[in-house]
Protein backbone atom coordinates (compact mmCIF):
# COMPACT_ATOMS: atom_id res chain seq x y z
CA UNK A 1 92.57 104.38 81.49
CA UNK A 2 89.78 106.40 82.88
CA UNK A 3 91.39 109.90 82.26
CA UNK A 4 91.49 112.98 84.54
CA UNK A 5 90.87 110.97 87.76
CA UNK A 6 93.93 108.89 87.26
CA UNK A 7 96.84 109.49 89.40
CA UNK A 8 100.67 109.23 89.10
CA UNK A 9 103.36 106.93 90.45
CA UNK A 10 107.10 107.02 90.34
CA UNK A 11 109.21 103.89 90.84
CA UNK A 12 112.87 104.13 91.82
CA UNK A 13 115.29 101.24 90.82
CA UNK A 14 119.11 100.30 90.81
CA UNK A 15 120.52 100.94 87.39
CA UNK A 16 123.60 98.97 88.50
CA UNK A 17 121.46 95.88 88.77
CA UNK A 18 119.59 96.29 85.47
CA UNK A 19 117.08 98.86 86.69
CA UNK A 20 115.74 101.67 84.40
CA UNK A 21 116.29 104.45 86.74
CA UNK A 22 112.94 106.26 87.54
CA UNK A 23 109.86 104.86 85.90
CA UNK A 24 106.78 107.08 85.73
CA UNK A 25 103.43 105.34 85.61
CA UNK A 26 99.72 106.25 85.48
CA UNK A 27 97.49 104.87 88.31
CA UNK A 28 94.03 103.71 87.36
CA UNK A 29 91.65 105.34 89.69
CA UNK A 30 89.26 102.50 89.54
CA UNK A 31 91.61 99.37 89.80
CA UNK A 32 94.99 100.84 91.05
CA UNK A 33 96.71 99.39 87.96
CA UNK A 34 99.95 100.92 86.97
CA UNK A 35 100.68 101.60 83.33
CA UNK A 36 104.18 102.80 82.39
CA UNK A 37 104.31 106.43 81.00
CA UNK A 38 108.16 106.81 80.55
CA UNK A 39 111.47 106.26 82.33
CA UNK A 40 114.89 107.99 82.78
CA UNK A 41 118.29 106.69 83.70
CA UNK A 42 119.93 110.22 84.03
CA UNK A 43 120.92 109.50 87.50
CA UNK A 44 122.79 106.15 88.65
CA UNK A 45 120.90 104.09 91.21
CA UNK A 46 117.86 106.36 92.23
CA UNK A 47 116.91 104.04 94.98
CA UNK A 48 114.71 106.42 96.90
CA UNK A 49 112.39 109.29 95.80
CA UNK A 50 110.59 112.13 97.37
CA UNK A 51 108.02 114.55 95.68
CA UNK A 52 107.57 118.20 96.33
CA UNK A 53 104.24 119.10 97.98
CA UNK A 54 103.06 120.77 94.72
CA UNK A 55 104.07 117.63 92.82
CA UNK A 56 106.18 119.62 90.21
CA UNK A 57 109.56 118.52 91.25
CA UNK A 58 110.76 114.87 91.91
CA UNK A 59 113.91 114.23 94.12
CA UNK A 60 116.01 111.17 94.06
CA UNK A 61 119.14 110.00 95.79
CA UNK A 62 122.02 108.41 93.85
CA UNK A 63 123.05 105.58 95.99
CA UNK A 64 126.75 105.38 95.02
CA UNK A 65 129.97 105.57 96.97
CA UNK A 66 130.09 109.39 96.18
CA UNK A 67 126.58 110.01 96.97
CA UNK A 68 124.48 112.68 95.36
CA UNK A 69 120.88 113.95 95.28
CA UNK A 70 119.09 115.20 92.11
CA UNK A 71 115.86 117.27 91.23
CA UNK A 72 113.70 116.29 88.35
CA UNK A 73 111.12 118.46 86.62
CA UNK A 74 107.59 116.33 86.50
CA UNK A 75 105.87 116.71 83.23
CA UNK A 76 102.06 117.58 83.07
CA UNK A 77 99.84 114.77 83.67
CA UNK A 78 98.74 114.52 80.10
CA UNK A 79 102.16 114.71 78.69
CA UNK A 80 102.91 111.96 76.02
CA UNK A 81 106.11 111.05 77.69
CA UNK A 82 105.73 111.19 81.57
CA UNK A 83 109.30 110.67 82.27
CA UNK A 84 110.85 113.17 84.78
CA UNK A 85 113.42 115.66 83.33
CA UNK A 86 116.65 116.09 85.25
CA UNK A 87 117.15 119.75 86.34
CA UNK A 88 120.85 120.62 86.29
CA UNK A 89 123.55 118.31 87.62
CA UNK A 90 123.17 115.94 90.57
CA UNK A 91 124.60 117.65 93.76
CA UNK A 92 127.03 115.71 96.07
CA UNK A 93 125.63 115.03 99.50
CA UNK A 94 129.26 114.82 100.87
CA UNK A 95 128.41 111.27 102.11
CA UNK A 96 128.54 107.65 100.81
CA UNK A 97 125.51 105.67 99.49
CA UNK A 98 122.45 107.76 100.46
CA UNK A 99 119.63 105.48 100.86
CA UNK A 100 116.78 107.80 101.92
CA UNK A 101 115.62 111.40 101.61
CA UNK A 102 113.00 113.64 102.94
CA UNK A 103 111.75 117.31 102.40
CA UNK A 104 111.83 119.33 105.71
CA UNK A 105 111.84 123.16 106.38
CA UNK A 106 112.94 124.09 102.83
CA UNK A 107 115.65 121.69 102.64
CA UNK A 108 116.34 118.16 101.34
CA UNK A 109 117.81 115.84 104.03
CA UNK A 110 119.56 112.57 103.11
CA UNK A 111 120.49 109.48 105.18
CA UNK A 112 123.86 108.27 103.94
CA UNK A 113 124.20 104.66 104.76
CA UNK A 114 127.76 104.17 103.82
CA UNK A 115 129.26 106.99 105.76
CA UNK A 116 126.75 106.95 108.61
CA UNK A 117 125.80 110.65 108.21
CA UNK A 118 122.91 112.84 107.50
CA UNK A 119 123.21 115.73 104.81
CA UNK A 120 121.10 118.85 104.26
CA UNK A 121 120.86 120.54 100.84
CA UNK A 122 118.90 123.78 100.47
CA UNK A 123 115.95 123.68 97.84
CA UNK A 124 115.99 126.74 95.79
CA UNK A 125 112.89 128.83 94.66
CA UNK A 126 112.82 126.79 91.20
CA UNK A 127 113.12 123.54 92.88
CA UNK A 128 116.74 122.86 92.15
CA UNK A 129 119.19 121.84 94.83
CA UNK A 130 122.06 123.98 96.43
CA UNK A 131 125.20 122.70 97.80
CA UNK A 132 125.16 120.73 101.16
CA UNK A 133 124.66 123.25 104.10
CA UNK A 134 125.36 120.72 106.85
CA UNK A 135 126.57 117.13 107.29
CA UNK A 136 125.94 115.49 110.68
CA UNK A 137 128.22 112.50 111.25
CA UNK A 138 126.90 109.72 113.36
CA UNK A 139 129.19 107.92 115.84
CA UNK A 140 129.00 104.38 117.40
CA UNK A 141 128.64 100.84 116.42
CA UNK A 142 126.62 97.75 117.53
CA UNK A 143 127.20 93.93 118.23
CA UNK A 144 126.52 92.50 114.72
CA UNK A 145 130.06 91.51 113.65
CA UNK A 146 129.47 92.58 109.97
CA UNK A 147 126.62 94.97 109.74
CA UNK A 148 127.34 97.08 112.72
CA UNK A 149 130.98 98.00 112.80
CA UNK A 150 130.06 101.68 112.58
CA UNK A 151 127.05 104.06 112.09
CA UNK A 152 124.79 103.36 109.12
CA UNK A 153 122.10 106.11 108.83
CA UNK A 154 119.31 104.51 106.85
CA UNK A 155 116.33 106.74 106.83
CA UNK A 156 115.36 110.40 107.68
CA UNK A 157 111.85 111.55 108.14
CA UNK A 158 110.16 114.72 109.44
CA UNK A 159 107.85 114.27 112.51
CA UNK A 160 104.20 115.22 112.04
CA UNK A 161 104.57 118.52 113.91
CA UNK A 162 107.27 119.55 111.51
CA UNK A 163 109.58 120.51 114.39
CA UNK A 164 111.90 117.55 114.31
CA UNK A 165 113.81 115.25 111.79
CA UNK A 166 114.24 111.67 113.09
CA UNK A 167 116.92 109.30 111.58
CA UNK A 168 117.21 105.63 111.92
CA UNK A 169 120.63 104.14 112.32
CA UNK A 170 121.10 100.48 111.48
CA UNK A 171 124.67 100.41 112.74
CA UNK A 172 124.15 101.97 116.11
CA UNK A 173 120.79 100.50 117.11
CA UNK A 174 119.32 103.96 117.63
CA UNK A 175 117.13 106.71 116.37
CA UNK A 176 118.39 110.16 116.36
CA UNK A 177 116.35 113.32 116.91
CA UNK A 178 117.47 116.57 115.35
CA UNK A 179 116.36 120.06 114.85
CA UNK A 180 116.68 121.70 111.22
CA UNK A 181 117.00 125.55 111.14
CA UNK A 182 114.99 126.61 108.12
CA UNK A 183 117.22 129.79 107.75
CA UNK A 184 120.67 128.37 107.94
CA UNK A 185 120.19 124.82 107.04
CA UNK A 186 121.99 123.69 110.04
CA UNK A 187 121.14 120.34 111.65
CA UNK A 188 121.52 120.13 115.49
CA UNK A 189 121.27 116.98 117.44
CA UNK A 190 118.56 116.84 120.06
CA UNK A 191 118.61 113.36 121.42
CA UNK A 192 119.19 109.87 120.57
CA UNK A 193 116.99 106.94 121.54
CA UNK A 194 118.70 103.59 122.13
CA UNK A 195 116.83 100.34 120.78
CA UNK A 196 117.67 96.88 121.71
CA UNK A 197 121.17 95.95 120.70
CA UNK A 198 121.50 94.02 117.48
CA UNK A 199 118.12 94.72 115.95
CA UNK A 200 119.38 97.10 113.29
CA UNK A 201 116.56 99.81 113.13
CA UNK A 202 116.06 100.59 109.30
CA UNK A 203 112.88 102.62 108.82
CA UNK A 204 110.13 104.26 111.05
CA UNK A 205 106.65 105.30 110.49
CA UNK A 206 104.34 107.59 112.59
CA UNK A 207 100.81 106.81 113.66
CA UNK A 208 98.38 109.39 112.11
CA UNK A 209 97.34 110.55 115.56
CA UNK A 210 101.02 111.64 115.90
CA UNK A 211 101.75 110.28 119.40
CA UNK A 212 103.52 106.95 118.44
CA UNK A 213 106.02 105.69 115.92
CA UNK A 214 106.71 102.16 114.82
CA UNK A 215 110.49 101.07 114.04
CA UNK A 216 111.04 98.23 111.71
CA UNK A 217 114.25 96.34 112.49
CA UNK A 218 116.37 94.77 109.59
CA UNK A 219 118.82 92.54 111.62
CA UNK A 220 116.01 90.93 113.67
CA UNK A 221 112.44 90.80 112.05
CA UNK A 222 110.73 92.73 114.74
CA UNK A 223 108.68 95.96 115.13
CA UNK A 224 109.42 98.28 117.93
CA UNK A 225 106.57 100.45 119.15
CA UNK A 226 107.51 103.82 120.55
CA UNK A 227 105.74 106.84 122.13
CA UNK A 228 106.55 110.03 120.56
CA UNK A 229 106.34 113.47 122.27
CA UNK A 230 106.62 116.28 119.81
CA UNK A 231 106.77 118.85 122.48
CA UNK A 232 109.95 117.63 124.02
CA UNK A 233 111.28 115.62 121.05
CA UNK A 234 111.46 112.44 122.95
CA UNK A 235 111.08 109.02 121.44
CA UNK A 236 110.38 106.18 124.04
CA UNK A 237 110.32 102.43 123.19
CA UNK A 238 107.46 100.51 124.82
CA UNK A 239 107.38 97.03 123.14
CA UNK A 240 108.30 94.76 120.32
CA UNK A 241 106.39 92.45 118.05
CA UNK A 242 107.80 89.69 115.89
CA UNK A 243 107.19 90.04 112.12
CA UNK A 244 107.18 86.36 111.20
CA UNK A 245 104.97 83.39 112.28
CA UNK A 246 105.97 80.95 114.71
CA UNK A 247 108.31 78.35 113.33
CA UNK A 248 109.54 80.33 110.27
CA UNK A 249 112.98 79.02 109.37
CA UNK A 250 114.05 81.30 106.63
CA UNK A 251 116.46 84.00 107.12
CA UNK A 252 114.73 87.35 106.58
CA UNK A 253 115.34 91.14 106.75
CA UNK A 254 112.44 93.51 107.28
CA UNK A 255 112.64 96.56 105.11
CA UNK A 256 109.70 98.98 105.22
CA UNK A 257 106.68 99.80 107.59
CA UNK A 258 103.46 101.52 106.65
CA UNK A 259 100.64 102.72 108.87
CA UNK A 260 97.12 102.60 107.87
CA UNK A 261 95.45 105.98 107.13
CA UNK A 262 92.89 105.16 109.97
CA UNK A 263 95.66 104.03 112.40
CA UNK A 264 94.15 100.54 112.81
CA UNK A 265 96.77 98.39 110.94
CA UNK A 266 100.61 98.36 110.18
CA UNK A 267 102.14 96.54 107.34
CA UNK A 268 105.99 95.49 107.15
CA UNK A 269 107.79 94.11 104.14
CA UNK A 270 109.93 90.91 104.89
CA UNK A 271 112.83 90.20 102.43
CA UNK A 272 113.87 86.64 102.44
CA UNK A 273 110.48 85.45 103.84
CA UNK A 274 109.13 87.54 100.91
CA UNK A 275 105.91 88.37 102.64
CA UNK A 276 103.90 91.39 104.02
CA UNK A 277 103.19 91.09 107.64
CA UNK A 278 99.88 92.39 108.72
CA UNK A 279 99.72 93.77 112.31
CA UNK A 280 96.67 95.13 114.23
CA UNK A 281 96.95 97.97 116.65
CA UNK A 282 94.90 98.29 119.73
CA UNK A 283 93.07 101.35 120.93
CA UNK A 284 96.13 102.62 122.72
CA UNK A 285 98.21 102.42 119.55
CA UNK A 286 101.03 100.77 121.84
CA UNK A 287 100.19 97.15 121.14
CA UNK A 288 100.84 95.61 117.66
CA UNK A 289 99.61 92.05 117.21
CA UNK A 290 100.74 90.01 114.13
CA UNK A 291 97.62 88.91 112.37
CA UNK A 292 99.18 87.08 109.43
CA UNK A 293 101.68 87.27 106.67
CA UNK A 294 100.76 87.23 102.81
CA UNK A 295 103.15 86.52 99.81
CA UNK A 296 104.61 89.95 98.61
CA UNK A 297 103.97 88.90 94.95
CA UNK A 298 107.55 88.65 94.03
CA UNK A 299 110.92 88.39 95.81
CA UNK A 300 112.80 90.61 98.06
CA UNK A 301 110.11 93.35 98.78
CA UNK A 302 112.47 96.42 99.49
CA UNK A 303 109.49 99.00 99.85
CA UNK A 304 105.76 99.34 100.52
CA UNK A 305 103.57 102.23 99.96
CA UNK A 306 99.83 103.10 100.33
CA UNK A 307 98.10 104.76 97.41
CA UNK A 308 96.82 108.33 98.42
CA UNK A 309 93.37 107.09 99.35
CA UNK A 310 94.77 104.27 101.64
CA UNK A 311 92.92 101.71 99.71
CA UNK A 312 95.69 99.85 98.17
CA UNK A 313 99.15 98.64 99.06
CA UNK A 314 102.15 98.48 96.61
CA UNK A 315 105.26 96.39 97.06
CA UNK A 316 108.54 97.09 95.14
CA UNK A 317 109.99 93.72 94.87
CA UNK A 318 113.61 94.14 93.93
CA UNK A 319 114.85 90.65 92.98
CA UNK A 320 111.71 89.60 90.92
CA UNK A 321 111.78 93.17 89.36
CA UNK A 322 108.23 94.17 89.69
CA UNK A 323 105.86 96.41 91.58
CA UNK A 324 102.80 94.37 92.90
CA UNK A 325 99.51 96.03 94.09
CA UNK A 326 97.10 94.79 96.50
CA UNK A 327 93.49 95.53 97.57
CA UNK A 328 93.27 96.08 101.33
CA UNK A 329 90.27 94.36 103.12
CA UNK A 330 89.02 97.11 105.36
CA UNK A 331 87.76 94.90 108.09
CA UNK A 332 90.90 92.77 108.46
CA UNK A 333 93.60 94.78 106.81
CA UNK A 334 94.80 91.76 104.98
CA UNK A 335 96.12 92.71 101.43
CA UNK A 336 94.74 90.78 98.37
CA UNK A 337 96.91 90.56 95.33
CA UNK A 338 95.37 92.49 92.38
CA UNK A 339 98.14 92.93 89.82
CA UNK A 340 101.73 93.78 88.99
CA UNK A 341 103.89 95.90 86.55
CA UNK A 342 107.52 94.94 85.31
CA UNK A 343 110.09 97.12 87.07
CA UNK A 344 113.61 95.73 87.14
CA UNK A 345 115.46 96.02 90.28
CA UNK A 346 112.68 97.97 91.82
CA UNK A 347 113.48 99.91 95.00
CA UNK A 348 110.76 102.19 95.98
CA UNK A 349 107.40 103.50 94.82
CA UNK A 350 105.78 106.76 95.65
CA UNK A 351 102.58 108.62 94.47
CA UNK A 352 101.87 112.20 93.49
């Protein structure tokens, strides 16, 4: 390893499927290679992670029926054992199977897939979590007979302006826009954007310019392009792009969407097809064209993440139990496989 210029990564996984909980890894600054530096299984099924802005505290959901969130102290970068240390007990989110979390306005917000709700937990001065200050229950359903019998909140993310929290709901084919009060921790519904019935929106990502968002749909392998107005808090769908090549016969469920730092490309993980879709954006940011798909390096890519410099793409392959990294061709946006690390039941990877 090259020393002080190396970064750090954290890999979440499903302990119920043989995962090791949260794996801490060093990131080689020259090659992007990951080297394990410790692991903790102090919380069950920490399937998604978020890092405090100063990098000192790591937050995780516990994706169980009685869902919870937990805070971990991150050791110093040169610590012999880099595994995060649990700070207090996990805090119930008052919802089932939380699948995602984000930090916004001094609070931790979770998307609870099982109960179709969004929870808000205050973040204390020392980084620990307080009891839930609000739970916003979604309502509705969709046409899919098995997956859309009720709401399934899948992701929560703060918009680039910091004014709004957006939540994708796979069960209701919609994205909900909410306002979070920093003082009280109350979450207020502002609006709901309907997407095409049966598509099953899973995650979204914003364009770096801030005026557009890209929603990846799980039940149909498509990407929905939306305009975003932070002034009014309005999300408007303007088009859809398929994520699989013509003639693809395999059943596939898209999982994660990532936008290039320069705003020229979008990458989406396809589970089943086990690929990464490469899409090029036009100058308006409103037209996404499928350029190609490349193998994800394993099976069932549940998450994608860019390194902090935007030069490499990492895929958390759940069923093959690895995190594979790719060098990105700056001209074409096409990822080229460069290496992998063993990570059983991997579900996400973040950097900090």
